[in-house]
Amino acid sequence: MLSKVIVNSYELLIEIAIWLILISSLIGGWSAAGFFAGIGALFGAFIFCALVGGAFLVLADIQKRVRNIEEKMGS
């Protein structure tokens, strides 16, 4: 029961984590050295999130597609 809730909310939790990382990097960079540092930190965090978070989002998408195929084959 709990494992299904975790699997179903996995994609949403990754999405929230990515947004929090991007927002905090913008705020952290801006407060440390100004506007351009904030934009640079945001760009760096975006690349990091694309590399790391993207892999997890692809896995979640594969899991969703497999579930759809299983439902079509089962009925």
PDB file of N, CA and C in Angstrom:
ATOM      1  N   MET A   1       0.828  -1.197   0.000  1.00  0.00           N
ATOM      2  CA  MET A   1       0.000   0.000   0.000  1.00  0.00           C
ATOM      3  C   MET A   1       0.873   1.262   0.000  1.00  0.00           C
ATOM      4  N   LEU A   2       1.765   1.367   0.968  1.00  0.00           N
ATOM      5  CA  LEU A   2       2.620   2.550   1.049  1.00  0.00           C
ATOM      6  C   LEU A   2       3.590   2.611  -0.121  1.00  0.00           C
ATOM      7  N   SER A   3       4.059   1.452  -0.567  1.00  0.00           N
ATOM      8  CA  SER A   3       4.988   1.443  -1.691  1.00  0.00           C
ATOM      9  C   SER A   3       4.314   1.954  -2.968  1.00  0.00           C
ATOM     10  N   LYS A   4       3.031   1.671  -3.154  1.00  0.00           N
ATOM     11  CA  LYS A   4       2.323   2.184  -4.327  1.00  0.00           C
ATOM     12  C   LYS A   4       2.158   3.694  -4.263  1.00  0.00           C
ATOM     13  N   VAL A   5       1.937   4.221  -3.066  1.00  0.00           N
ATOM     14  CA  VAL A   5       1.820   5.671  -2.898  1.00  0.00           C
ATOM     15  C   VAL A   5       3.145   6.340  -3.238  1.00  0.00           C
ATOM     16  N   ILE A   6       4.231   5.747  -2.789  1.00  0.00           N
ATOM     17  CA  ILE A   6       5.553   6.305  -3.059  1.00  0.00           C
ATOM     18  C   ILE A   6       5.857   6.259  -4.544  1.00  0.00           C
ATOM     19  N   VAL A   7       5.564   5.138  -5.196  1.00  0.00           N
ATOM     20  CA  VAL A   7       5.823   5.014  -6.630  1.00  0.00           C
ATOM     21  C   VAL A   7       4.959   5.997  -7.413  1.00  0.00           C
ATOM     22  N   ASN A   8       3.704   6.162  -7.019  1.00  0.00           N
ATOM     23  CA  ASN A   8       2.815   7.071  -7.728  1.00  0.00           C
ATOM     24  C   ASN A   8       3.188   8.532  -7.533  1.00  0.00           C
ATOM     25  N   SER A   9       3.775   8.878  -6.413  1.00  0.00           N
ATOM     26  CA  SER A   9       4.135  10.271  -6.150  1.00  0.00           C
ATOM     27  C   SER A   9       5.591  10.580  -6.494  1.00  0.00           C
ATOM     28  N   TYR A  10       6.309   9.616  -7.012  1.00  0.00           N
ATOM     29  CA  TYR A  10       7.734   9.762  -7.299  1.00  0.00           C
ATOM     30  C   TYR A  10       8.008  10.898  -8.279  1.00  0.00           C
ATOM     31  N   GLU A  11       7.274  10.937  -9.372  1.00  0.00           N
ATOM     32  CA  GLU A  11       7.485  11.966 -10.397  1.00  0.00           C
ATOM     33  C   GLU A  11       7.188  13.363  -9.855  1.00  0.00           C
ATOM     34  N   LEU A  12       6.143  13.488  -9.057  1.00  0.00           N
ATOM     35  CA  LEU A  12       5.795  14.775  -8.463  1.00  0.00           C
ATOM     36  C   LEU A  12       6.880  15.245  -7.487  1.00  0.00           C
ATOM     37  N   LEU A  13       7.401  14.326  -6.701  1.00  0.00           N
ATOM     38  CA  LEU A  13       8.455  14.689  -5.749  1.00  0.00           C
ATOM     39  C   LEU A  13       9.733  15.131  -6.461  1.00  0.00           C
ATOM     40  N   ILE A  14      10.065  14.488  -7.561  1.00  0.00           N
ATOM     41  CA  ILE A  14      11.236  14.904  -8.338  1.00  0.00           C
ATOM     42  C   ILE A  14      11.014  16.303  -8.909  1.00  0.00           C
ATOM     43  N   GLU A  15       9.820  16.543  -9.436  1.00  0.00           N
ATOM     44  CA  GLU A  15       9.493  17.852 -10.002  1.00  0.00           C
ATOM     45  C   GLU A  15       9.612  18.957  -8.945  1.00  0.00           C
ATOM     46  N   ILE A  16       9.088  18.713  -7.772  1.00  0.00           N
ATOM     47  CA  ILE A  16       9.166  19.694  -6.686  1.00  0.00           C
ATOM     48  C   ILE A  16      10.624  19.925  -6.279  1.00  0.00           C
ATOM     49  N   ALA A  17      11.401  18.855  -6.190  1.00  0.00           N
ATOM     50  CA  ALA A  17      12.816  18.987  -5.817  1.00  0.00           C
ATOM     51  C   ALA A  17      13.585  19.802  -6.846  1.00  0.00           C
ATOM     52  N   ILE A  18      13.304  19.577  -8.121  1.00  0.00           N
ATOM     53  CA  ILE A  18      13.997  20.336  -9.172  1.00  0.00           C
ATOM     54  C   ILE A  18      13.658  21.817  -9.066  1.00  0.00           C
ATOM     55  N   TRP A  19      12.381  22.138  -8.878  1.00  0.00           N
ATOM     56  CA  TRP A  19      12.003  23.550  -8.747  1.00  0.00           C
ATOM     57  C   TRP A  19      12.647  24.192  -7.522  1.00  0.00           C
ATOM     58  N   LEU A  20      12.696  23.463  -6.412  1.00  0.00           N
ATOM     59  CA  LEU A  20      13.328  24.018  -5.209  1.00  0.00           C
ATOM     60  C   LEU A  20      14.821  24.259  -5.412  1.00  0.00           C
ATOM     61  N   ILE A  21      15.490  23.357  -6.104  1.00  0.00           N
ATOM     62  CA  ILE A  21      16.914  23.538  -6.392  1.00  0.00           C
ATOM     63  C   ILE A  21      17.125  24.768  -7.267  1.00  0.00           C
ATOM     64  N   LEU A  22      16.300  24.924  -8.311  1.00  0.00           N
ATOM     65  CA  LEU A  22      16.458  26.066  -9.206  1.00  0.00           C
ATOM     66  C   LEU A  22      16.195  27.392  -8.494  1.00  0.00           C
ATOM     67  N   ILE A  23      15.142  27.450  -7.707  1.00  0.00           N
ATOM     68  CA  ILE A  23      14.806  28.685  -7.000  1.00  0.00           C
ATOM     69  C   ILE A  23      15.879  29.022  -5.968  1.00  0.00           C
ATOM     70  N   SER A  24      16.323  28.011  -5.216  1.00  0.00           N
ATOM     71  CA  SER A  24      17.337  28.292  -4.188  1.00  0.00           C
ATOM     72  C   SER A  24      18.681  28.678  -4.800  1.00  0.00           C
ATOM     73  N   SER A  25      19.016  28.126  -5.957  1.00  0.00           N
ATOM     74  CA  SER A  25      20.269  28.529  -6.586  1.00  0.00           C
ATOM     75  C   SER A  25      20.199  29.970  -7.083  1.00  0.00           C
ATOM     76  N   LEU A  26      19.053  30.372  -7.618  1.00  0.00           N
ATOM     77  CA  LEU A  26      18.884  31.758  -8.052  1.00  0.00           C
ATOM     78  C   LEU A  26      18.991  32.714  -6.871  1.00  0.00           C
ATOM     79  N   ILE A  27      18.308  32.398  -5.801  1.00  0.00           N
ATOM     80  CA  ILE A  27      18.340  33.261  -4.610  1.00  0.00           C
ATOM     81  C   ILE A  27      19.739  33.278  -3.991  1.00  0.00           C
ATOM     82  N   GLY A  28      20.368  32.110  -3.898  1.00  0.00           N
ATOM     83  CA  GLY A  28      21.707  32.040  -3.314  1.00  0.00           C
ATOM     84  C   GLY A  28      22.741  32.795  -4.130  1.00  0.00           C
ATOM     85  N   GLY A  29      22.701  32.629  -5.433  1.00  0.00           N
ATOM     86  CA  GLY A  29      23.643  33.340  -6.288  1.00  0.00           C
ATOM     87  C   GLY A  29      23.412  34.832  -6.271  1.00  0.00           C
ATOM     88  N   TRP A  30      22.150  35.235  -6.274  1.00  0.00           N
ATOM     89  CA  TRP A  30      21.812  36.653  -6.268  1.00  0.00           C
ATOM     90  C   TRP A  30      22.265  37.307  -4.963  1.00  0.00           C
ATOM     91  N   SER A  31      22.008  36.636  -3.842  1.00  0.00           N
ATOM     92  CA  SER A  31      22.381  37.232  -2.552  1.00  0.00           C
ATOM     93  C   SER A  31      23.899  37.225  -2.349  1.00  0.00           C
ATOM     94  N   ALA A  32      24.606  36.312  -2.979  1.00  0.00           N
ATOM     95  CA  ALA A  32      26.056  36.246  -2.806  1.00  0.00           C
ATOM     96  C   ALA A  32      26.782  37.305  -3.623  1.00  0.00           C
ATOM     97  N   ALA A  33      26.355  37.499  -4.894  1.00  0.00           N
ATOM     98  CA  ALA A  33      27.144  38.392  -5.739  1.00  0.00           C
ATOM     99  C   ALA A  33      26.316  39.176  -6.750  1.00  0.00           C
ATOM    100  N   GLY A  34      25.010  39.234  -6.607  1.00  0.00           N
ATOM    101  CA  GLY A  34      24.212  40.066  -7.490  1.00  0.00           C
ATOM    102  C   GLY A  34      23.468  39.307  -8.578  1.00  0.00           C
ATOM    103  N   PHE A  35      22.915  40.091  -9.483  1.00  0.00           N
ATOM    104  CA  PHE A  35      22.022  39.572 -10.523  1.00  0.00           C
ATOM    105  C   PHE A  35      22.695  38.560 -11.441  1.00  0.00           C
ATOM    106  N   PHE A  36      23.852  38.914 -11.974  1.00  0.00           N
ATOM    107  CA  PHE A  36      24.509  38.033 -12.936  1.00  0.00           C
ATOM    108  C   PHE A  36      24.980  36.733 -12.295  1.00  0.00           C
ATOM    109  N   ALA A  37      25.392  36.785 -11.043  1.00  0.00           N
ATOM    110  CA  ALA A  37      25.763  35.564 -10.328  1.00  0.00           C
ATOM    111  C   ALA A  37      24.532  34.695 -10.097  1.00  0.00           C
ATOM    112  N   GLY A  38      23.396  35.322  -9.848  1.00  0.00           N
ATOM    113  CA  GLY A  38      22.159  34.562  -9.691  1.00  0.00           C
ATOM    114  C   GLY A  38      21.759  33.855 -10.963  1.00  0.00           C
ATOM    115  N   ILE A  39      21.899  34.564 -12.099  1.00  0.00           N
ATOM    116  CA  ILE A  39      21.586  33.945 -13.391  1.00  0.00           C
ATOM    117  C   ILE A  39      22.583  32.820 -13.694  1.00  0.00           C
ATOM    118  N   GLY A  40      23.848  33.032 -13.378  1.00  0.00           N
ATOM    119  CA  GLY A  40      24.850  31.978 -13.575  1.00  0.00           C
ATOM    120  C   GLY A  40      24.590  30.763 -12.712  1.00  0.00           C
ATOM    121  N   ALA A  41      24.230  31.008 -11.458  1.00  0.00           N
ATOM    122  CA  ALA A  41      23.914  29.898 -10.560  1.00  0.00           C
ATOM    123  C   ALA A  41      22.671  29.155 -11.033  1.00  0.00           C
ATOM    124  N   LEU A  42      21.695  29.905 -11.517  1.00  0.00           N
ATOM    125  CA  LEU A  42      20.480  29.284 -12.054  1.00  0.00           C
ATOM    126  C   LEU A  42      20.813  28.414 -13.260  1.00  0.00           C
ATOM    127  N   PHE A  43      21.655  28.907 -14.152  1.00  0.00           N
ATOM    128  CA  PHE A  43      22.059  28.143 -15.332  1.00  0.00           C
ATOM    129  C   PHE A  43      22.820  26.872 -14.934  1.00  0.00           C
ATOM    130  N   GLY A  44      23.736  27.004 -13.984  1.00  0.00           N
ATOM    131  CA  GLY A  44      24.479  25.826 -13.503  1.00  0.00           C
ATOM    132  C   GLY A  44      23.574  24.804 -12.838  1.00  0.00           C
ATOM    133  N   ALA A  45      22.618  25.281 -12.043  1.00  0.00           N
ATOM    134  CA  ALA A  45      21.691  24.370 -11.382  1.00  0.00           C
ATOM    135  C   ALA A  45      20.771  23.698 -12.394  1.00  0.00           C
ATOM    136  N   PHE A  46      20.413  24.432 -13.454  1.00  0.00           N
ATOM    137  CA  PHE A  46      19.573  23.836 -14.493  1.00  0.00           C
ATOM    138  C   PHE A  46      20.298  22.690 -15.183  1.00  0.00           C
ATOM    139  N   ILE A  47      21.573  22.895 -15.487  1.00  0.00           N
ATOM    140  CA  ILE A  47      22.351  21.824 -16.117  1.00  0.00           C
ATOM    141  C   ILE A  47      22.459  20.625 -15.184  1.00  0.00           C
ATOM    142  N   PHE A  48      22.721  20.879 -13.912  1.00  0.00           N
ATOM    143  CA  PHE A  48      22.789  19.804 -12.926  1.00  0.00           C
ATOM    144  C   PHE A  48      21.464  19.050 -12.843  1.00  0.00           C
ATOM    145  N   CYS A  49      20.357  19.785 -12.772  1.00  0.00           N
ATOM    146  CA  CYS A  49      19.041  19.148 -12.669  1.00  0.00           C
ATOM    147  C   CYS A  49      18.680  18.383 -13.939  1.00  0.00           C
ATOM    148  N   ALA A  50      19.101  18.899 -15.091  1.00  0.00           N
ATOM    149  CA  ALA A  50      18.832  18.192 -16.344  1.00  0.00           C
ATOM    150  C   ALA A  50      19.590  16.870 -16.384  1.00  0.00           C
ATOM    151  N   LEU A  51      20.826  16.873 -15.896  1.00  0.00           N
ATOM    152  CA  LEU A  51      21.616  15.646 -15.916  1.00  0.00           C
ATOM    153  C   LEU A  51      21.149  14.636 -14.879  1.00  0.00           C
ATOM    154  N   VAL A  52      20.931  15.093 -13.667  1.00  0.00           N
ATOM    155  CA  VAL A  52      20.581  14.178 -12.583  1.00  0.00           C
ATOM    156  C   VAL A  52      19.075  13.911 -12.541  1.00  0.00           C
ATOM    157  N   GLY A  53      18.289  14.960 -12.490  1.00  0.00           N
ATOM    158  CA  GLY A  53      16.838  14.788 -12.402  1.00  0.00           C
ATOM    159  C   GLY A  53      16.236  14.225 -13.663  1.00  0.00           C
ATOM    160  N   GLY A  54      16.837  14.540 -14.807  1.00  0.00           N
ATOM    161  CA  GLY A  54      16.319  14.032 -16.070  1.00  0.00           C
ATOM    162  C   GLY A  54      16.345  12.519 -16.135  1.00  0.00           C
ATOM    163  N   ALA A  55      17.399  11.921 -15.609  1.00  0.00           N
ATOM    164  CA  ALA A  55      17.493  10.460 -15.604  1.00  0.00           C
ATOM    165  C   ALA A  55      16.365   9.846 -14.784  1.00  0.00           C
ATOM    166  N   PHE A  56      16.071  10.443 -13.644  1.00  0.00           N
ATOM    167  CA  PHE A  56      14.993   9.916 -12.807  1.00  0.00           C
ATOM    168  C   PHE A  56      13.624  10.139 -13.452  1.00  0.00           C
ATOM    169  N   LEU A  57      13.459  11.260 -14.135  1.00  0.00           N
ATOM    170  CA  LEU A  57      12.192  11.502 -14.818  1.00  0.00           C
ATOM    171  C   LEU A  57      12.000  10.549 -15.992  1.00  0.00           C
ATOM    172  N   VAL A  58      13.074  10.190 -16.674  1.00  0.00           N
ATOM    173  CA  VAL A  58      12.976   9.196 -17.749  1.00  0.00           C
ATOM    174  C   VAL A  58      12.578   7.843 -17.171  1.00  0.00           C
ATOM    175  N   LEU A  59      13.162   7.464 -16.043  1.00  0.00           N
ATOM    176  CA  LEU A  59      12.774   6.210 -15.402  1.00  0.00           C
ATOM    177  C   LEU A  59      11.308   6.218 -14.989  1.00  0.00           C
ATOM    178  N   ALA A  60      10.838   7.336 -14.473  1.00  0.00           N
ATOM    179  CA  ALA A  60       9.427   7.436 -14.094  1.00  0.00           C
ATOM    180  C   ALA A  60       8.529   7.342 -15.319  1.00  0.00           C
ATOM    181  N   ASP A  61       8.949   7.930 -16.429  1.00  0.00           N
ATOM    182  CA  ASP A  61       8.166   7.853 -17.657  1.00  0.00           C
ATOM    183  C   ASP A  61       8.132   6.421 -18.195  1.00  0.00           C
ATOM    184  N   ILE A  62       9.252   5.725 -18.138  1.00  0.00           N
ATOM    185  CA  ILE A  62       9.291   4.325 -18.574  1.00  0.00           C
ATOM    186  C   ILE A  62       8.356   3.486 -17.710  1.00  0.00           C
ATOM    187  N   GLN A  63       8.386   3.727 -16.416  1.00  0.00           N
ATOM    188  CA  GLN A  63       7.517   2.981 -15.496  1.00  0.00           C
ATOM    189  C   GLN A  63       6.049   3.233 -15.813  1.00  0.00           C
ATOM    190  N   LYS A  64       5.712   4.469 -16.137  1.00  0.00           N
ATOM    191  CA  LYS A  64       4.336   4.813 -16.472  1.00  0.00           C
ATOM    192  C   LYS A  64       3.894   4.133 -17.768  1.00  0.00           C
ATOM    193  N   ARG A  65       4.770   4.118 -18.757  1.00  0.00           N
ATOM    194  CA  ARG A  65       4.449   3.475 -20.035  1.00  0.00           C
ATOM    195  C   ARG A  65       4.305   1.970 -19.889  1.00  0.00           C
ATOM    196  N   VAL A  66       5.159   1.349 -19.079  1.00  0.00           N
ATOM    197  CA  VAL A  66       5.044  -0.090 -18.841  1.00  0.00           C
ATOM    198  C   VAL A  66       3.727  -0.402 -18.147  1.00  0.00           C
ATOM    199  N   ARG A  67       3.334   0.431 -17.203  1.00  0.00           N
ATOM    200  CA  ARG A  67       2.057   0.227 -16.514  1.00  0.00           C
ATOM    201  C   ARG A  67       0.902   0.321 -17.506  1.00  0.00           C
ATOM    202  N   ASN A  68       0.948   1.281 -18.437  1.00  0.00           N
ATOM    203  CA  ASN A  68      -0.102   1.400 -19.448  1.00  0.00           C
ATOM    204  C   ASN A  68      -0.150   0.176 -20.353  1.00  0.00           C
ATOM    205  N   ILE A  69       1.014  -0.331 -20.733  1.00  0.00           N
ATOM    206  CA  ILE A  69       1.061  -1.540 -21.571  1.00  0.00           C
ATOM    207  C   ILE A  69       0.493  -2.736 -20.810  1.00  0.00           C
ATOM    208  N   GLU A  70       0.837  -2.859 -19.523  1.00  0.00           N
ATOM    209  CA  GLU A  70       0.306  -3.955 -18.714  1.00  0.00           C
ATOM    210  C   GLU A  70      -1.214  -3.878 -18.610  1.00  0.00           C
ATOM    211  N   GLU A  71      -1.746  -2.651 -18.471  1.00  0.00           N
ATOM    212  CA  GLU A  71      -3.197  -2.513 -18.379  1.00  0.00           C
ATOM    213  C   GLU A  71      -3.870  -2.894 -19.695  1.00  0.00           C
ATOM    214  N   LYS A  72      -3.264  -2.546 -20.831  1.00  0.00           N
ATOM    215  CA  LYS A  72      -3.832  -2.902 -22.128  1.00  0.00           C
ATOM    216  C   LYS A  72      -3.768  -4.398 -22.379  1.00  0.00           C
ATOM    217  N   MET A  73      -2.686  -5.034 -21.961  1.00  0.00           N
ATOM    218  CA  MET A  73      -2.537  -6.467 -22.172  1.00  0.00           C
ATOM    219  C   MET A  73      -3.444  -7.261 -21.232  1.00  0.00           C
ATOM    220  N   GLY A  74      -3.679  -6.733 -20.047  1.00  0.00           N
ATOM    221  CA  GLY A  74      -4.498  -7.438 -19.063  1.00  0.00           C
ATOM    222  C   GLY A  74      -5.982  -7.407 -19.388  1.00  0.00           C
ATOM    223  N   SER A  75      -6.423  -6.403 -20.132  1.00  0.00           N
ATOM    224  CA  SER A  75      -7.865  -6.311 -20.389  1.00  0.00           C
ATOM    225  C   SER A  75      -8.260  -6.835 -21.738  1.00  0.00           C
TER     226      SER A  75
END
